[in-house]
PDB file of all heavy atoms in Angstrom:
ATOM      1  N   ALA A   1     123.129 123.322  68.195  1.00  0.00           N
ATOM      2  CA  ALA A   1     122.956 123.802  69.591  1.00  0.00           C
ATOM      3  C   ALA A   1     123.949 124.857  69.992  1.00  0.00           C
ATOM      4  O   ALA A   1     125.113 124.819  69.439  1.00  0.00           O
ATOM      5  CB  ALA A   1     122.941 122.577  70.520  1.00  0.00           C
ATOM      6  N   LYS A   2     123.646 125.582  70.944  1.00  0.00           N
ATOM      7  CA  LYS A   2     124.481 126.667  71.470  1.00  0.00           C
ATOM      8  C   LYS A   2     125.134 126.215  72.838  1.00  0.00           C
ATOM      9  O   LYS A   2     126.155 126.853  73.130  1.00  0.00           O
ATOM     10  CB  LYS A   2     123.710 127.978  71.691  1.00  0.00           C
ATOM     11  CG  LYS A   2     123.065 128.485  70.440  1.00  0.00           C
ATOM     12  CD  LYS A   2     122.156 129.676  70.741  1.00  0.00           C
ATOM     13  CE  LYS A   2     121.457 130.183  69.489  1.00  0.00           C
ATOM     14  NZ  LYS A   2     120.561 131.313  69.733  1.00  0.00           N
ATOM     15  N   ASP A   3     124.551 125.292  73.542  1.00  0.00           N
ATOM     16  CA  ASP A   3     125.004 124.991  74.840  1.00  0.00           C
ATOM     17  C   ASP A   3     124.891 123.485  75.102  1.00  0.00           C
ATOM     18  O   ASP A   3     123.810 122.837  74.906  1.00  0.00           O
ATOM     19  CB  ASP A   3     124.126 125.749  75.829  1.00  0.00           C
ATOM     20  CG  ASP A   3     124.777 125.764  77.217  1.00  0.00           C
ATOM     21  OD1 ASP A   3     124.788 124.764  77.935  1.00  0.00           O
ATOM     22  OD2 ASP A   3     125.315 126.884  77.598  1.00  0.00           O
ATOM     23  N   TYR A   4     126.002 122.863  75.486  1.00  0.00           N
ATOM     24  CA  TYR A   4     126.066 121.421  75.771  1.00  0.00           C
ATOM     25  C   TYR A   4     126.456 121.221  77.176  1.00  0.00           C
ATOM     26  O   TYR A   4     127.496 121.802  77.663  1.00  0.00           O
ATOM     27  CB  TYR A   4     127.035 120.730  74.826  1.00  0.00           C
ATOM     28  CG  TYR A   4     126.774 120.904  73.347  1.00  0.00           C
ATOM     29  CD1 TYR A   4     127.282 122.018  72.648  1.00  0.00           C
ATOM     30  CD2 TYR A   4     126.084 119.934  72.624  1.00  0.00           C
ATOM     31  CE1 TYR A   4     127.089 122.261  71.330  1.00  0.00           C
ATOM     32  CE2 TYR A   4     125.899 120.156  71.317  1.00  0.00           C
ATOM     33  CZ  TYR A   4     126.414 121.312  70.666  1.00  0.00           C
ATOM     34  OH  TYR A   4     126.125 121.456  69.254  1.00  0.00           O
ATOM     35  N   THR A   5     125.824 120.355  77.894  1.00  0.00           N
ATOM     36  CA  THR A   5     126.234 119.987  79.293  1.00  0.00           C
ATOM     37  C   THR A   5     126.455 118.470  79.300  1.00  0.00           C
ATOM     38  O   THR A   5     125.546 117.695  79.080  1.00  0.00           O
ATOM     39  CB  THR A   5     125.106 120.326  80.292  1.00  0.00           C
ATOM     40  OG1 THR A   5     124.913 121.750  80.225  1.00  0.00           O
ATOM     41  CG2 THR A   5     125.516 119.951  81.685  1.00  0.00           C
ATOM     42  N   LEU A   6     127.747 118.105  79.586  1.00  0.00           N
ATOM     43  CA  LEU A   6     128.064 116.743  79.747  1.00  0.00           C
ATOM     44  C   LEU A   6     128.418 116.380  81.139  1.00  0.00           C
ATOM     45  O   LEU A   6     128.864 117.286  81.919  1.00  0.00           O
ATOM     46  CB  LEU A   6     129.349 116.469  78.897  1.00  0.00           C
ATOM     47  CG  LEU A   6     129.142 116.220  77.337  1.00  0.00           C
ATOM     48  CD1 LEU A   6     128.506 117.422  76.683  1.00  0.00           C
ATOM     49  CD2 LEU A   6     130.477 115.873  76.679  1.00  0.00           C
ATOM     50  N   VAL A   7     128.117 115.108  81.566  1.00  0.00           N
ATOM     51  CA  VAL A   7     128.414 114.701  82.892  1.00  0.00           C
ATOM     52  C   VAL A   7     128.998 113.336  82.857  1.00  0.00           C
ATOM     53  O   VAL A   7     128.546 112.381  82.203  1.00  0.00           O
ATOM     54  CB  VAL A   7     127.080 114.598  83.720  1.00  0.00           C
ATOM     55  CG1 VAL A   7     127.355 114.022  85.139  1.00  0.00           C
ATOM     56  CG2 VAL A   7     126.428 115.982  83.863  1.00  0.00           C
ATOM     57  N   GLY A   8     130.117 113.157  83.577  1.00  0.00           N
ATOM     58  CA  GLY A   8     130.782 111.879  83.756  1.00  0.00           C
ATOM     59  C   GLY A   8     131.512 111.854  85.072  1.00  0.00           C
ATOM     60  O   GLY A   8     131.461 112.802  85.837  1.00  0.00           O
ATOM     61  N   LEU A   9     132.146 110.757  85.431  1.00  0.00           N
ATOM     62  CA  LEU A   9     132.928 110.734  86.637  1.00  0.00           C
ATOM     63  C   LEU A   9     134.381 111.055  86.468  1.00  0.00           C
ATOM     64  O   LEU A   9     135.043 111.303  87.474  1.00  0.00           O
ATOM     65  CB  LEU A   9     132.829 109.311  87.237  1.00  0.00           C
ATOM     66  CG  LEU A   9     131.519 108.906  87.935  1.00  0.00           C
ATOM     67  CD1 LEU A   9     131.545 107.524  88.533  1.00  0.00           C
ATOM     68  CD2 LEU A   9     131.249 109.903  89.083  1.00  0.00           C
ATOM     69  N   GLU A  10     134.887 111.012  85.290  1.00  0.00           N
ATOM     70  CA  GLU A  10     136.328 111.179  85.065  1.00  0.00           C
ATOM     71  C   GLU A  10     136.733 112.657  85.378  1.00  0.00           C
ATOM     72  O   GLU A  10     135.958 113.531  85.184  1.00  0.00           O
ATOM     73  CB  GLU A  10     136.693 110.906  83.644  1.00  0.00           C
ATOM     74  CG  GLU A  10     136.529 109.459  83.221  1.00  0.00           C
ATOM     75  CD  GLU A  10     135.108 109.047  83.110  1.00  0.00           C
ATOM     76  OE1 GLU A  10     134.239 109.804  82.802  1.00  0.00           O
ATOM     77  OE2 GLU A  10     134.876 107.809  83.301  1.00  0.00           O
ATOM     78  N   PRO A  11     137.905 112.847  85.973  1.00  0.00           N
ATOM     79  CA  PRO A  11     138.350 114.196  86.309  1.00  0.00           C
ATOM     80  C   PRO A  11     138.591 115.003  85.125  1.00  0.00           C
ATOM     81  O   PRO A  11     138.825 114.563  84.005  1.00  0.00           O
ATOM     82  CB  PRO A  11     139.694 113.894  87.090  1.00  0.00           C
ATOM     83  CG  PRO A  11     140.198 112.622  86.574  1.00  0.00           C
ATOM     84  CD  PRO A  11     138.979 111.792  86.238  1.00  0.00           C
ATOM     85  N   VAL A  12     138.605 116.343  85.265  1.00  0.00           N
ATOM     86  CA  VAL A  12     138.870 117.302  84.182  1.00  0.00           C
ATOM     87  C   VAL A  12     140.238 117.120  83.589  1.00  0.00           C
ATOM     88  O   VAL A  12     140.414 117.045  82.380  1.00  0.00           O
ATOM     89  CB  VAL A  12     138.586 118.698  84.638  1.00  0.00           C
ATOM     90  CG1 VAL A  12     139.040 119.703  83.525  1.00  0.00           C
ATOM     91  CG2 VAL A  12     137.175 118.947  84.995  1.00  0.00           C
ATOM     92  N   GLY A  13     141.250 117.112  84.420  1.00  0.00           N
ATOM     93  CA  GLY A  13     142.532 116.936  83.890  1.00  0.00           C
ATOM     94  C   GLY A  13     143.180 118.252  83.360  1.00  0.00           C
ATOM     95  O   GLY A  13     142.811 119.299  83.823  1.00  0.00           O
ATOM     96  N   CYS A  14     144.169 118.157  82.427  1.00  0.00           N
ATOM     97  CA  CYS A  14     144.872 119.272  82.074  1.00  0.00           C
ATOM     98  C   CYS A  14     145.536 119.168  80.705  1.00  0.00           C
ATOM     99  O   CYS A  14     145.589 117.984  80.209  1.00  0.00           O
ATOM    100  CB  CYS A  14     145.937 119.650  83.123  1.00  0.00           C
ATOM    101  SG  CYS A  14     147.109 118.311  83.356  1.00  0.00           S
ATOM    102  N   VAL A  15     146.073 120.240  80.176  1.00  0.00           N
ATOM    103  CA  VAL A  15     146.973 120.104  79.002  1.00  0.00           C
ATOM    104  C   VAL A  15     148.226 121.025  79.355  1.00  0.00           C
ATOM    105  O   VAL A  15     148.066 122.064  80.060  1.00  0.00           O
ATOM    106  CB  VAL A  15     146.316 120.633  77.751  1.00  0.00           C
ATOM    107  CG1 VAL A  15     145.171 119.738  77.295  1.00  0.00           C
ATOM    108  CG2 VAL A  15     145.902 122.043  77.803  1.00  0.00           C
ATOM    109  N   PRO A  16     149.387 120.668  78.974  1.00  0.00           N
ATOM    110  CA  PRO A  16     150.572 121.352  79.289  1.00  0.00           C
ATOM    111  C   PRO A  16     150.514 122.798  78.745  1.00  0.00           C
ATOM    112  O   PRO A  16     150.108 123.081  77.656  1.00  0.00           O
ATOM    113  CB  PRO A  16     151.677 120.541  78.705  1.00  0.00           C
ATOM    114  CG  PRO A  16     151.127 119.174  78.559  1.00  0.00           C
ATOM    115  CD  PRO A  16     149.691 119.359  78.304  1.00  0.00           C
ATOM    116  N   SER A  17     151.004 123.745  79.551  1.00  0.00           N
ATOM    117  CA  SER A  17     151.220 125.094  79.076  1.00  0.00           C
ATOM    118  C   SER A  17     152.658 125.356  78.717  1.00  0.00           C
ATOM    119  O   SER A  17     153.011 126.316  77.949  1.00  0.00           O
ATOM    120  CB  SER A  17     150.798 126.088  80.097  1.00  0.00           C
ATOM    121  OG  SER A  17     151.493 125.842  81.341  1.00  0.00           O
ATOM    122  N   ASN A  18     153.548 124.489  79.137  1.00  0.00           N
ATOM    123  CA  ASN A  18     154.990 124.600  78.829  1.00  0.00           C
ATOM    124  C   ASN A  18     155.338 123.576  77.695  1.00  0.00           C
ATOM    125  O   ASN A  18     155.115 122.441  77.812  1.00  0.00           O
ATOM    126  CB  ASN A  18     155.747 124.293  80.043  1.00  0.00           C
ATOM    127  CG  ASN A  18     157.249 124.619  79.947  1.00  0.00           C
ATOM    128  OD1 ASN A  18     157.824 124.496  78.796  1.00  0.00           O
ATOM    129  ND2 ASN A  18     157.843 124.975  80.986  1.00  0.00           N
ATOM    130  N   THR A  19     155.954 124.159  76.624  1.00  0.00           N
ATOM    131  CA  THR A  19     156.326 123.382  75.507  1.00  0.00           C
ATOM    132  C   THR A  19     157.115 122.130  75.924  1.00  0.00           C
ATOM    133  O   THR A  19     157.030 121.015  75.290  1.00  0.00           O
ATOM    134  CB  THR A  19     157.056 124.143  74.422  1.00  0.00           C
ATOM    135  OG1 THR A  19     156.255 125.231  74.017  1.00  0.00           O
ATOM    136  CG2 THR A  19     157.424 123.341  73.210  1.00  0.00           C
ATOM    137  N   ALA A  20     157.999 122.278  76.889  1.00  0.00           N
ATOM    138  CA  ALA A  20     158.809 121.203  77.251  1.00  0.00           C
ATOM    139  C   ALA A  20     158.128 119.992  77.825  1.00  0.00           C
ATOM    140  O   ALA A  20     158.606 118.833  77.733  1.00  0.00           O
ATOM    141  CB  ALA A  20     159.909 121.729  78.348  1.00  0.00           C
ATOM    142  N   ASN A  21     156.918 120.229  78.339  1.00  0.00           N
ATOM    143  CA  ASN A  21     156.087 119.138  78.839  1.00  0.00           C
ATOM    144  C   ASN A  21     155.450 118.251  77.825  1.00  0.00           C
ATOM    145  O   ASN A  21     154.921 117.193  78.063  1.00  0.00           O
ATOM    146  CB  ASN A  21     155.017 119.713  79.716  1.00  0.00           C
ATOM    147  CG  ASN A  21     155.549 120.288  81.023  1.00  0.00           C
ATOM    148  OD1 ASN A  21     156.631 119.949  81.519  1.00  0.00           O
ATOM    149  ND2 ASN A  21     154.851 121.271  81.609  1.00  0.00           N
ATOM    150  N   TYR A  22     155.513 118.747  76.499  1.00  0.00           N
ATOM    151  CA  TYR A  22     155.084 117.840  75.404  1.00  0.00           C
ATOM    152  C   TYR A  22     156.204 116.922  75.005  1.00  0.00           C
ATOM    153  O   TYR A  22     156.791 117.100  73.902  1.00  0.00           O
ATOM    154  CB  TYR A  22     154.538 118.667  74.232  1.00  0.00           C
ATOM    155  CG  TYR A  22     153.293 119.461  74.510  1.00  0.00           C
ATOM    156  CD1 TYR A  22     153.270 120.838  74.680  1.00  0.00           C
ATOM    157  CD2 TYR A  22     152.074 118.756  74.523  1.00  0.00           C
ATOM    158  CE1 TYR A  22     152.072 121.446  74.937  1.00  0.00           C
ATOM    159  CE2 TYR A  22     150.867 119.396  74.712  1.00  0.00           C
ATOM    160  CZ  TYR A  22     150.926 120.837  74.905  1.00  0.00           C
ATOM    161  OH  TYR A  22     149.744 121.486  75.175  1.00  0.00           O
ATOM    162  N   SER A  23     156.542 116.067  75.919  1.00  0.00           N
ATOM    163  CA  SER A  23     157.720 115.171  75.593  1.00  0.00           C
ATOM    164  C   SER A  23     157.317 114.121  74.583  1.00  0.00           C
ATOM    165  O   SER A  23     156.082 113.980  74.272  1.00  0.00           O
ATOM    166  CB  SER A  23     158.065 114.436  76.875  1.00  0.00           C
ATOM    167  OG  SER A  23     157.037 113.547  77.301  1.00  0.00           O
ATOM    168  N   PRO A  24     158.308 113.512  73.949  1.00  0.00           N
ATOM    169  CA  PRO A  24     157.914 112.392  72.990  1.00  0.00           C
ATOM    170  C   PRO A  24     156.910 111.332  73.568  1.00  0.00           C
ATOM    171  O   PRO A  24     156.142 110.806  72.807  1.00  0.00           O
ATOM    172  CB  PRO A  24     159.238 111.816  72.541  1.00  0.00           C
ATOM    173  CG  PRO A  24     160.174 112.939  72.766  1.00  0.00           C
ATOM    174  CD  PRO A  24     159.678 113.692  73.955  1.00  0.00           C
ATOM    175  N   GLU A  25     157.029 111.172  74.822  1.00  0.00           N
ATOM    176  CA  GLU A  25     156.154 110.172  75.542  1.00  0.00           C
ATOM    177  C   GLU A  25     154.754 110.731  75.746  1.00  0.00           C
ATOM    178  O   GLU A  25     153.833 109.860  75.989  1.00  0.00           O
ATOM    179  CB  GLU A  25     156.813 109.769  76.860  1.00  0.00           C
ATOM    180  CG  GLU A  25     158.092 109.036  76.811  1.00  0.00           C
ATOM    181  CD  GLU A  25     159.282 109.910  76.401  1.00  0.00           C
ATOM    182  OE1 GLU A  25     159.204 111.111  76.750  1.00  0.00           O
ATOM    183  OE2 GLU A  25     160.281 109.408  75.897  1.00  0.00           O
ATOM    184  N   TYR A  26     154.540 111.969  75.650  1.00  0.00           N
ATOM    185  CA  TYR A  26     153.238 112.497  75.870  1.00  0.00           C
ATOM    186  C   TYR A  26     152.179 112.092  74.855  1.00  0.00           C
ATOM    187  O   TYR A  26     151.076 111.771  75.119  1.00  0.00           O
ATOM    188  CB  TYR A  26     153.247 114.070  75.861  1.00  0.00           C
ATOM    189  CG  TYR A  26     151.919 114.718  76.130  1.00  0.00           C
ATOM    190  CD1 TYR A  26     151.424 114.960  77.393  1.00  0.00           C
ATOM    191  CD2 TYR A  26     151.157 115.112  74.986  1.00  0.00           C
ATOM    192  CE1 TYR A  26     150.189 115.565  77.578  1.00  0.00           C
ATOM    193  CE2 TYR A  26     149.918 115.721  75.251  1.00  0.00           C
ATOM    194  CZ  TYR A  26     149.498 115.990  76.489  1.00  0.00           C
ATOM    195  OH  TYR A  26     148.208 116.558  76.722  1.00  0.00           O
ATOM    196  N   TRP A  27     152.660 112.034  73.556  1.00  0.00           N
ATOM    197  CA  TRP A  27     151.699 111.731  72.522  1.00  0.00           C
ATOM    198  C   TRP A  27     151.194 110.270  72.495  1.00  0.00           C
ATOM    199  O   TRP A  27     149.981 110.052  72.364  1.00  0.00           O
ATOM    200  CB  TRP A  27     152.374 112.057  71.168  1.00  0.00           C
ATOM    201  CG  TRP A  27     152.799 113.516  71.127  1.00  0.00           C
ATOM    202  CD1 TRP A  27     154.044 113.970  71.148  1.00  0.00           C
ATOM    203  CD2 TRP A  27     151.948 114.636  71.164  1.00  0.00           C
ATOM    204  NE1 TRP A  27     154.042 115.343  71.183  1.00  0.00           N
ATOM    205  CE2 TRP A  27     152.805 115.798  71.243  1.00  0.00           C
ATOM    206  CE3 TRP A  27     150.597 114.769  71.231  1.00  0.00           C
ATOM    207  CZ2 TRP A  27     152.212 117.078  71.229  1.00  0.00           C
ATOM    208  CZ3 TRP A  27     149.991 116.038  71.305  1.00  0.00           C
ATOM    209  CH2 TRP A  27     150.906 117.186  71.306  1.00  0.00           C
ATOM    210  N   PRO A  28     152.025 109.243  72.792  1.00  0.00           N
ATOM    211  CA  PRO A  28     151.368 107.965  72.948  1.00  0.00           C
ATOM    212  C   PRO A  28     150.437 107.843  74.155  1.00  0.00           C
ATOM    213  O   PRO A  28     149.409 107.158  74.075  1.00  0.00           O
ATOM    214  CB  PRO A  28     152.643 106.983  73.190  1.00  0.00           C
ATOM    215  CG  PRO A  28     153.711 107.758  72.563  1.00  0.00           C
ATOM    216  CD  PRO A  28     153.431 109.214  72.740  1.00  0.00           C
TER     217      PRO A  28
END
């Protein structure tokens, strides 16, 4: 398929853009 549309209630959220925000606690 070329196009997928998913629907849920959970928020989109984010990923860090700053390396410092990938703390050791981020991965667990």
